[in-house]
N, C-alpha and C. Protein backbone atom coordinates (compact mmCIF):
# COMPACT_ATOMS: atom_id res chain seq x y z
N MET A 1 27.31 30.41 72.58
CA MET A 1 27.78 29.06 72.41
C MET A 1 27.17 28.14 73.47
N ARG A 2 27.07 28.69 74.60
CA ARG A 2 26.56 27.90 75.69
C ARG A 2 25.12 27.53 75.43
N LYS A 3 24.41 28.44 74.84
CA LYS A 3 23.00 28.17 74.54
C LYS A 3 22.90 27.04 73.52
N ASN A 4 23.74 27.03 72.51
CA ASN A 4 23.72 25.97 71.48
C ASN A 4 24.01 24.62 72.11
N ASN A 5 25.00 24.59 73.01
CA ASN A 5 25.33 23.32 73.67
C ASN A 5 24.16 22.86 74.54
N ASP A 6 23.53 23.80 75.22
CA ASP A 6 22.38 23.45 76.05
C ASP A 6 21.24 22.90 75.19
N ILE A 7 21.04 23.48 74.05
CA ILE A 7 19.96 23.04 73.15
C ILE A 7 20.26 21.62 72.64
N GLU A 8 21.52 21.38 72.28
CA GLU A 8 21.90 20.06 71.79
C GLU A 8 21.73 19.01 72.88
N LEU A 9 22.14 19.33 74.10
CA LEU A 9 21.99 18.38 75.22
C LEU A 9 20.52 18.12 75.49
N GLU A 10 19.72 19.13 75.40
CA GLU A 10 18.29 18.97 75.64
C GLU A 10 17.67 18.08 74.55
N MET A 11 18.10 18.26 73.28
CA MET A 11 17.60 17.43 72.19
C MET A 11 18.02 15.98 72.39
N GLN A 12 19.24 15.76 72.83
CA GLN A 12 19.71 14.39 73.03
C GLN A 12 18.93 13.73 74.16
N ASN A 13 18.65 14.48 75.20
CA ASN A 13 17.86 13.94 76.32
C ASN A 13 16.46 13.58 75.84
N ASN A 14 15.87 14.46 75.01
CA ASN A 14 14.52 14.17 74.49
C ASN A 14 14.54 12.92 73.59
N ILE A 15 15.60 12.78 72.81
CA ILE A 15 15.71 11.62 71.91
C ILE A 15 15.86 10.35 72.74
N GLU A 16 16.68 10.42 73.83
CA GLU A 16 16.87 9.24 74.66
C GLU A 16 15.58 8.88 75.37
N GLU A 17 14.79 9.86 75.71
CA GLU A 17 13.53 9.59 76.41
C GLU A 17 12.48 9.03 75.45
N HIS A 18 12.49 9.47 74.19
CA HIS A 18 11.49 9.02 73.21
C HIS A 18 12.20 8.31 72.05
N PRO A 19 12.25 6.98 72.04
CA PRO A 19 12.94 6.25 70.97
C PRO A 19 12.21 6.37 69.64
N ALA A 20 10.94 6.66 69.59
CA ALA A 20 10.21 6.79 68.33
C ALA A 20 10.72 7.99 67.55
N ILE A 21 11.11 9.02 68.25
CA ILE A 21 11.63 10.21 67.59
C ILE A 21 12.94 9.87 66.89
N GLU A 22 13.74 9.03 67.51
CA GLU A 22 15.01 8.62 66.92
C GLU A 22 14.77 7.86 65.60
N GLU A 23 13.78 7.00 65.59
CA GLU A 23 13.45 6.25 64.38
C GLU A 23 12.97 7.19 63.28
N ASP A 24 12.15 8.16 63.66
CA ASP A 24 11.64 9.11 62.67
C ASP A 24 12.78 9.91 62.05
N ILE A 25 13.72 10.30 62.85
CA ILE A 25 14.85 11.07 62.35
C ILE A 25 15.67 10.22 61.39
N SER A 26 15.89 8.94 61.73
CA SER A 26 16.66 8.09 60.83
C SER A 26 15.91 7.86 59.52
N LEU A 27 14.61 7.75 59.61
CA LEU A 27 13.80 7.60 58.38
C LEU A 27 13.89 8.86 57.52
N ILE A 28 13.86 10.00 58.15
CA ILE A 28 13.96 11.26 57.41
C ILE A 28 15.32 11.37 56.74
N GLU A 29 16.38 10.97 57.46
CA GLU A 29 17.72 11.02 56.88
C GLU A 29 17.83 10.06 55.69
N GLU A 30 17.25 8.86 55.84
CA GLU A 30 17.28 7.89 54.74
C GLU A 30 16.52 8.43 53.52
N ALA A 31 15.39 9.06 53.80
CA ALA A 31 14.59 9.61 52.70
C ALA A 31 15.35 10.70 51.97
N SER A 32 16.04 11.55 52.73
CA SER A 32 16.80 12.62 52.07
C SER A 32 17.96 12.05 51.26
N GLU A 33 18.59 10.98 51.79
CA GLU A 33 19.67 10.33 51.03
C GLU A 33 19.12 9.71 49.74
N MET A 34 17.97 9.06 49.83
CA MET A 34 17.37 8.45 48.64
C MET A 34 16.98 9.52 47.62
N LYS A 35 16.49 10.63 48.12
CA LYS A 35 16.10 11.73 47.23
C LYS A 35 17.32 12.27 46.49
N GLU A 36 18.43 12.43 47.18
CA GLU A 36 19.65 12.90 46.54
C GLU A 36 20.16 11.88 45.53
N HIS A 37 20.09 10.62 45.90
CA HIS A 37 20.53 9.56 44.98
C HIS A 37 19.65 9.56 43.72
N ALA A 38 18.34 9.74 43.86
CA ALA A 38 17.43 9.79 42.71
C ALA A 38 17.76 11.00 41.83
N LYS A 39 18.05 12.14 42.46
CA LYS A 39 18.40 13.33 41.68
C LYS A 39 19.67 13.09 40.88
N LYS A 40 20.67 12.46 41.49
CA LYS A 40 21.91 12.18 40.78
C LYS A 40 21.67 11.22 39.62
N THR A 41 20.85 10.20 39.85
CA THR A 41 20.54 9.23 38.80
C THR A 41 19.81 9.90 37.64
N ILE A 42 18.84 10.73 37.94
CA ILE A 42 18.10 11.45 36.90
C ILE A 42 19.04 12.36 36.11
N GLN A 43 19.96 13.02 36.81
CA GLN A 43 20.91 13.89 36.12
C GLN A 43 21.82 13.09 35.19
N LYS A 44 22.25 11.90 35.63
CA LYS A 44 23.08 11.05 34.78
C LYS A 44 22.32 10.62 33.53
N ILE A 45 21.05 10.27 33.72
CA ILE A 45 20.22 9.85 32.58
C ILE A 45 20.04 11.02 31.62
N LYS A 46 19.79 12.20 32.14
CA LYS A 46 19.64 13.38 31.28
C LYS A 46 20.92 13.68 30.51
N ASP A 47 22.05 13.47 31.14
CA ASP A 47 23.32 13.69 30.44
C ASP A 47 23.51 12.70 29.30
N LYS A 48 23.09 11.46 29.53
CA LYS A 48 23.26 10.44 28.48
C LYS A 48 22.27 10.61 27.34
N VAL A 49 21.05 10.96 27.68
CA VAL A 49 20.01 11.07 26.66
C VAL A 49 19.97 12.51 26.16
N LYS A 50 20.07 12.64 24.85
CA LYS A 50 20.02 13.97 24.24
C LYS A 50 18.97 13.95 23.14
N GLU A 51 18.50 15.09 22.78
CA GLU A 51 17.51 15.21 21.70
C GLU A 51 18.11 14.88 20.35
N GLU A 52 19.36 15.16 20.18
CA GLU A 52 20.00 14.98 18.89
C GLU A 52 20.63 13.60 18.83
N ASP A 53 20.59 13.02 17.65
CA ASP A 53 21.25 11.74 17.43
C ASP A 53 22.74 11.97 17.27
N PRO A 54 23.51 10.94 17.54
CA PRO A 54 24.96 11.11 17.31
C PRO A 54 25.23 11.33 15.83
N LYS A 55 26.28 12.05 15.58
CA LYS A 55 26.64 12.36 14.19
C LYS A 55 27.05 11.08 13.47
N LEU A 56 26.66 11.01 12.21
CA LEU A 56 26.98 9.86 11.37
C LEU A 56 28.46 9.87 11.05
N THR A 57 29.05 8.71 11.14
CA THR A 57 30.47 8.63 10.82
C THR A 57 30.66 8.83 9.33
N ALA A 58 31.86 9.16 8.96
CA ALA A 58 32.15 9.45 7.56
C ALA A 58 32.08 8.20 6.71
N SER A 59 32.30 7.04 7.31
CA SER A 59 32.29 5.80 6.52
C SER A 59 30.88 5.22 6.49
N LEU A 60 30.37 5.07 5.31
CA LEU A 60 29.06 4.46 5.13
C LEU A 60 29.29 3.07 4.58
N ASN A 61 29.20 2.08 5.45
CA ASN A 61 29.48 0.71 5.01
C ASN A 61 28.22 -0.14 5.10
N LEU A 62 28.35 -1.39 4.75
CA LEU A 62 27.22 -2.30 4.70
C LEU A 62 26.60 -2.49 6.08
N ARG A 63 27.41 -2.51 7.10
CA ARG A 63 26.90 -2.72 8.45
C ARG A 63 26.01 -1.55 8.88
N THR A 64 26.41 -0.32 8.58
CA THR A 64 25.60 0.83 8.97
C THR A 64 24.30 0.87 8.17
N ILE A 65 24.35 0.43 6.92
CA ILE A 65 23.13 0.43 6.11
C ILE A 65 22.16 -0.64 6.59
N LEU A 66 22.67 -1.88 6.79
CA LEU A 66 21.80 -2.97 7.23
C LEU A 66 21.31 -2.76 8.66
N GLY A 67 22.13 -2.16 9.47
CA GLY A 67 21.74 -1.90 10.85
C GLY A 67 20.78 -0.73 10.98
N GLY A 68 20.67 0.08 9.95
CA GLY A 68 19.77 1.23 9.99
C GLY A 68 20.35 2.42 10.71
N ASP A 69 21.65 2.40 10.97
CA ASP A 69 22.28 3.51 11.70
C ASP A 69 22.27 4.80 10.90
N PHE A 70 22.20 4.70 9.59
CA PHE A 70 22.23 5.91 8.77
C PHE A 70 20.87 6.64 8.79
N LEU A 71 19.83 5.98 9.30
CA LEU A 71 18.51 6.61 9.37
C LEU A 71 18.38 7.39 10.68
N THR A 72 19.05 8.47 10.78
CA THR A 72 18.97 9.30 11.97
C THR A 72 17.77 10.23 11.86
N ALA A 73 17.38 10.78 12.98
CA ALA A 73 16.23 11.68 12.98
C ALA A 73 16.50 12.90 12.12
N GLU A 74 17.73 13.37 12.14
CA GLU A 74 18.09 14.55 11.35
C GLU A 74 17.95 14.26 9.85
N MET A 75 18.42 13.09 9.44
CA MET A 75 18.33 12.72 8.02
C MET A 75 16.87 12.54 7.60
N VAL A 76 16.08 11.94 8.47
CA VAL A 76 14.66 11.74 8.15
C VAL A 76 13.96 13.08 8.05
N ARG A 77 14.28 14.00 8.95
CA ARG A 77 13.66 15.32 8.90
C ARG A 77 14.02 16.06 7.62
N LYS A 78 15.26 15.92 7.20
CA LYS A 78 15.70 16.60 5.97
C LYS A 78 15.03 16.01 4.73
N GLN A 79 14.79 14.70 4.74
CA GLN A 79 14.28 14.01 3.56
C GLN A 79 12.79 13.68 3.67
N LEU A 80 12.07 14.31 4.57
CA LEU A 80 10.66 13.98 4.80
C LEU A 80 9.83 14.15 3.53
N TRP A 81 10.01 15.23 2.80
CA TRP A 81 9.21 15.46 1.59
C TRP A 81 9.55 14.45 0.49
N LEU A 82 10.80 14.00 0.48
CA LEU A 82 11.17 12.94 -0.46
C LEU A 82 10.43 11.65 -0.14
N PHE A 83 10.33 11.32 1.15
CA PHE A 83 9.59 10.12 1.54
C PHE A 83 8.11 10.25 1.19
N VAL A 84 7.54 11.42 1.41
CA VAL A 84 6.13 11.65 1.06
C VAL A 84 5.94 11.50 -0.44
N LEU A 85 6.86 12.06 -1.22
CA LEU A 85 6.77 11.94 -2.68
C LEU A 85 6.89 10.48 -3.13
N MET A 86 7.79 9.73 -2.48
CA MET A 86 7.95 8.32 -2.83
C MET A 86 6.68 7.53 -2.51
N VAL A 87 6.05 7.81 -1.39
CA VAL A 87 4.79 7.13 -1.03
C VAL A 87 3.71 7.49 -2.03
N PHE A 88 3.64 8.76 -2.41
CA PHE A 88 2.64 9.20 -3.39
C PHE A 88 2.82 8.48 -4.73
N PHE A 89 4.07 8.43 -5.22
CA PHE A 89 4.33 7.75 -6.49
C PHE A 89 4.05 6.25 -6.39
N THR A 90 4.32 5.66 -5.25
CA THR A 90 4.02 4.23 -5.06
C THR A 90 2.52 3.99 -5.14
N ILE A 91 1.74 4.85 -4.52
CA ILE A 91 0.28 4.71 -4.57
C ILE A 91 -0.21 4.87 -6.00
N ILE A 92 0.32 5.86 -6.72
CA ILE A 92 -0.06 6.06 -8.12
C ILE A 92 0.32 4.84 -8.95
N TYR A 93 1.51 4.28 -8.71
CA TYR A 93 1.97 3.11 -9.46
C TYR A 93 1.04 1.92 -9.24
N VAL A 94 0.69 1.68 -8.00
CA VAL A 94 -0.19 0.54 -7.68
C VAL A 94 -1.56 0.74 -8.30
N ALA A 95 -2.10 1.96 -8.21
CA ALA A 95 -3.41 2.23 -8.79
C ALA A 95 -3.39 2.07 -10.31
N SER A 96 -2.33 2.55 -10.95
CA SER A 96 -2.22 2.42 -12.41
C SER A 96 -2.09 0.97 -12.83
N ARG A 97 -1.33 0.22 -12.07
CA ARG A 97 -1.17 -1.21 -12.39
C ARG A 97 -2.51 -1.93 -12.26
N TYR A 98 -3.25 -1.63 -11.21
CA TYR A 98 -4.56 -2.25 -11.02
C TYR A 98 -5.49 -1.89 -12.17
N GLN A 99 -5.50 -0.62 -12.56
CA GLN A 99 -6.36 -0.19 -13.66
C GLN A 99 -5.96 -0.87 -14.96
N CYS A 100 -4.66 -1.01 -15.19
CA CYS A 100 -4.16 -1.68 -16.39
C CYS A 100 -4.61 -3.14 -16.41
N GLN A 101 -4.53 -3.82 -15.28
CA GLN A 101 -4.98 -5.21 -15.21
C GLN A 101 -6.47 -5.32 -15.50
N GLN A 102 -7.24 -4.39 -14.97
CA GLN A 102 -8.69 -4.41 -15.24
C GLN A 102 -8.97 -4.19 -16.72
N ASP A 103 -8.21 -3.28 -17.34
CA ASP A 103 -8.37 -3.03 -18.77
C ASP A 103 -8.00 -4.27 -19.59
N LEU A 104 -6.94 -4.96 -19.21
CA LEU A 104 -6.54 -6.18 -19.92
C LEU A 104 -7.61 -7.27 -19.80
N ILE A 105 -8.21 -7.39 -18.64
CA ILE A 105 -9.30 -8.36 -18.46
C ILE A 105 -10.47 -8.01 -19.36
N THR A 106 -10.81 -6.73 -19.44
CA THR A 106 -11.91 -6.29 -20.30
C THR A 106 -11.57 -6.54 -21.77
N ILE A 107 -10.34 -6.27 -22.17
CA ILE A 107 -9.92 -6.50 -23.56
C ILE A 107 -10.02 -7.98 -23.91
N ASP A 108 -9.57 -8.86 -23.01
CA ASP A 108 -9.67 -10.30 -23.27
C ASP A 108 -11.12 -10.73 -23.43
N LYS A 109 -12.00 -10.21 -22.59
CA LYS A 109 -13.42 -10.56 -22.68
C LYS A 109 -14.01 -10.09 -24.01
N LEU A 110 -13.67 -8.85 -24.39
CA LEU A 110 -14.20 -8.32 -25.65
C LEU A 110 -13.64 -9.08 -26.86
N GLU A 111 -12.37 -9.51 -26.78
CA GLU A 111 -11.80 -10.29 -27.88
C GLU A 111 -12.52 -11.64 -28.02
N LYS A 112 -12.87 -12.26 -26.90
CA LYS A 112 -13.63 -13.52 -26.95
C LYS A 112 -15.01 -13.29 -27.56
N ASP A 113 -15.65 -12.19 -27.15
CA ASP A 113 -16.97 -11.87 -27.72
C ASP A 113 -16.86 -11.63 -29.22
N LEU A 114 -15.81 -10.92 -29.65
CA LEU A 114 -15.60 -10.65 -31.07
C LEU A 114 -15.38 -11.95 -31.84
N LEU A 115 -14.60 -12.85 -31.29
CA LEU A 115 -14.35 -14.13 -31.94
C LEU A 115 -15.65 -14.94 -32.08
N ASP A 116 -16.47 -14.92 -31.02
CA ASP A 116 -17.77 -15.61 -31.10
C ASP A 116 -18.65 -14.98 -32.17
N ALA A 117 -18.65 -13.65 -32.25
CA ALA A 117 -19.46 -12.97 -33.27
C ALA A 117 -18.96 -13.30 -34.67
N LYS A 118 -17.63 -13.39 -34.86
CA LYS A 118 -17.08 -13.75 -36.17
C LYS A 118 -17.51 -15.16 -36.56
N TYR A 119 -17.46 -16.09 -35.60
CA TYR A 119 -17.87 -17.47 -35.90
C TYR A 119 -19.36 -17.53 -36.25
N LYS A 120 -20.18 -16.76 -35.53
CA LYS A 120 -21.62 -16.74 -35.85
C LYS A 120 -21.86 -16.15 -37.23
N ALA A 121 -21.12 -15.08 -37.57
CA ALA A 121 -21.27 -14.46 -38.89
C ALA A 121 -20.82 -15.42 -39.97
N LEU A 122 -19.74 -16.13 -39.76
CA LEU A 122 -19.26 -17.10 -40.74
C LEU A 122 -20.27 -18.24 -40.91
N SER A 123 -20.81 -18.68 -39.79
CA SER A 123 -21.82 -19.75 -39.86
C SER A 123 -23.06 -19.28 -40.60
N SER A 124 -23.52 -18.08 -40.30
CA SER A 124 -24.71 -17.52 -40.98
C SER A 124 -24.43 -17.32 -42.46
N SER A 125 -23.24 -16.85 -42.80
CA SER A 125 -22.87 -16.63 -44.19
C SER A 125 -22.84 -17.95 -44.96
N SER A 126 -22.29 -18.98 -44.36
CA SER A 126 -22.25 -20.27 -45.06
C SER A 126 -23.65 -20.86 -45.22
N THR A 127 -24.49 -20.68 -44.21
CA THR A 127 -25.88 -21.16 -44.33
C THR A 127 -26.61 -20.40 -45.43
N LEU A 128 -26.43 -19.09 -45.50
CA LEU A 128 -27.07 -18.28 -46.53
C LEU A 128 -26.56 -18.65 -47.92
N THR A 129 -25.24 -18.88 -48.03
CA THR A 129 -24.66 -19.28 -49.32
C THR A 129 -25.23 -20.62 -49.76
N GLU A 130 -25.40 -21.52 -48.84
CA GLU A 130 -25.96 -22.83 -49.18
C GLU A 130 -27.40 -22.70 -49.63
N MET A 131 -28.16 -21.85 -48.98
CA MET A 131 -29.57 -21.69 -49.35
C MET A 131 -29.73 -20.96 -50.68
N CYS A 132 -28.77 -20.16 -51.07
CA CYS A 132 -28.87 -19.38 -52.30
C CYS A 132 -28.33 -20.12 -53.53
N ARG A 133 -27.83 -21.31 -53.38
CA ARG A 133 -27.34 -22.06 -54.54
C ARG A 133 -28.50 -22.37 -55.48
N GLU A 134 -28.15 -22.46 -56.75
CA GLU A 134 -29.18 -22.67 -57.77
C GLU A 134 -29.92 -23.98 -57.56
N SER A 135 -29.22 -25.01 -57.22
CA SER A 135 -29.87 -26.32 -57.03
C SER A 135 -30.82 -26.30 -55.84
N HIS A 136 -30.43 -25.61 -54.80
CA HIS A 136 -31.30 -25.53 -53.63
C HIS A 136 -32.54 -24.69 -53.93
N VAL A 137 -32.35 -23.62 -54.70
CA VAL A 137 -33.49 -22.78 -55.09
C VAL A 137 -34.45 -23.57 -55.97
N LEU A 138 -33.90 -24.35 -56.92
CA LEU A 138 -34.75 -25.16 -57.80
C LEU A 138 -35.54 -26.19 -57.01
N ASP A 139 -34.90 -26.83 -56.05
CA ASP A 139 -35.62 -27.80 -55.22
C ASP A 139 -36.75 -27.12 -54.45
N ALA A 140 -36.50 -25.92 -53.95
CA ALA A 140 -37.53 -25.19 -53.22
C ALA A 140 -38.68 -24.82 -54.14
N LEU A 141 -38.36 -24.45 -55.41
CA LEU A 141 -39.43 -24.11 -56.36
C LEU A 141 -40.25 -25.34 -56.74
N LYS A 142 -39.60 -26.48 -56.88
CA LYS A 142 -40.32 -27.71 -57.23
C LYS A 142 -41.25 -28.13 -56.10
N GLN A 143 -40.84 -27.91 -54.89
CA GLN A 143 -41.68 -28.28 -53.75
C GLN A 143 -42.88 -27.34 -53.65
N ASN A 144 -42.68 -26.13 -54.08
CA ASN A 144 -43.75 -25.12 -54.08
C ASN A 144 -44.37 -25.12 -55.47
N LYS A 145 -45.38 -25.86 -55.71
CA LYS A 145 -45.92 -26.04 -57.05
C LYS A 145 -46.70 -24.82 -57.53
N ASP A 146 -47.07 -23.95 -56.68
CA ASP A 146 -47.85 -22.79 -57.12
C ASP A 146 -46.99 -21.67 -57.67
N SER A 147 -45.68 -21.83 -57.67
CA SER A 147 -44.79 -20.79 -58.16
C SER A 147 -44.74 -20.81 -59.68
N LEU A 148 -44.66 -19.65 -60.28
CA LEU A 148 -44.59 -19.52 -61.73
C LEU A 148 -43.16 -19.47 -62.23
N LEU A 149 -42.25 -19.45 -61.36
CA LEU A 149 -40.84 -19.38 -61.74
C LEU A 149 -40.35 -20.74 -62.18
N HIS A 150 -39.50 -20.74 -63.23
CA HIS A 150 -38.88 -21.98 -63.69
C HIS A 150 -37.58 -21.64 -64.39
N ILE A 151 -36.80 -22.64 -64.73
CA ILE A 151 -35.52 -22.44 -65.39
C ILE A 151 -35.77 -22.16 -66.86
N SER A 152 -35.05 -21.18 -67.36
CA SER A 152 -35.22 -20.80 -68.76
C SER A 152 -34.61 -21.86 -69.67
N ASP A 153 -35.31 -22.11 -70.83
CA ASP A 153 -34.80 -23.08 -71.81
C ASP A 153 -33.88 -22.40 -72.81
N GLN A 154 -33.99 -21.13 -72.96
CA GLN A 154 -33.19 -20.39 -73.94
C GLN A 154 -31.99 -19.77 -73.25
N PRO A 155 -30.89 -19.69 -73.98
CA PRO A 155 -29.72 -19.06 -73.39
C PRO A 155 -29.93 -17.54 -73.27
N PRO A 156 -29.19 -16.90 -72.42
CA PRO A 156 -29.38 -15.46 -72.27
C PRO A 156 -28.99 -14.72 -73.53
N TYR A 157 -29.64 -13.64 -73.82
CA TYR A 157 -29.39 -12.83 -75.01
C TYR A 157 -28.73 -11.54 -74.55
N ILE A 158 -27.60 -11.17 -75.19
CA ILE A 158 -26.86 -9.97 -74.82
C ILE A 158 -27.29 -8.84 -75.74
N ILE A 159 -27.64 -7.75 -75.15
CA ILE A 159 -28.08 -6.58 -75.89
C ILE A 159 -26.94 -5.56 -75.85
N ASN A 160 -26.52 -5.12 -77.05
CA ASN A 160 -25.47 -4.10 -77.13
C ASN A 160 -26.12 -2.75 -77.32
N VAL A 161 -25.80 -1.82 -76.53
CA VAL A 161 -26.33 -0.48 -76.59
C VAL A 161 -25.23 0.44 -77.10
N PRO A 162 -25.49 1.11 -78.25
CA PRO A 162 -24.48 2.05 -78.74
C PRO A 162 -24.46 3.32 -77.89
N GLU A 163 -23.32 3.86 -77.78
CA GLU A 163 -23.21 5.06 -76.96
C GLU A 163 -23.25 6.31 -77.74
């Protein structure tokens, strides 16, 4: 015991003789206190933060739906393949809609082309009908004097063939 007391007295004398040592000791004590305080704070944070989300309450109301509280990590993990399937179907839906719109545009263009072709055919048919009329043919023959064709003076004769 006497040795311990002697050692303590000697340390106090050394501290009184060297004030820098006293400052260093106080700094070390402060650092150890800060370290303990940091450890306690980290432990409190670890206690509050958990890997698991809090359990969903039994009541599912409008506030929990609009607030997004029902979308917990556990629920998302359970329904992950459903979300993937929904995204896949959405992509297919958008692609099909786009293809359908492109097909409708093509159909409209082809219908316009068909209508133009019908009008051209009708116009050509009416022009041909006009040119094939008897009066028009006769005028063309009269203008062409070298033709041997002319209108018959005699009525047509019907020939009956017995069977």
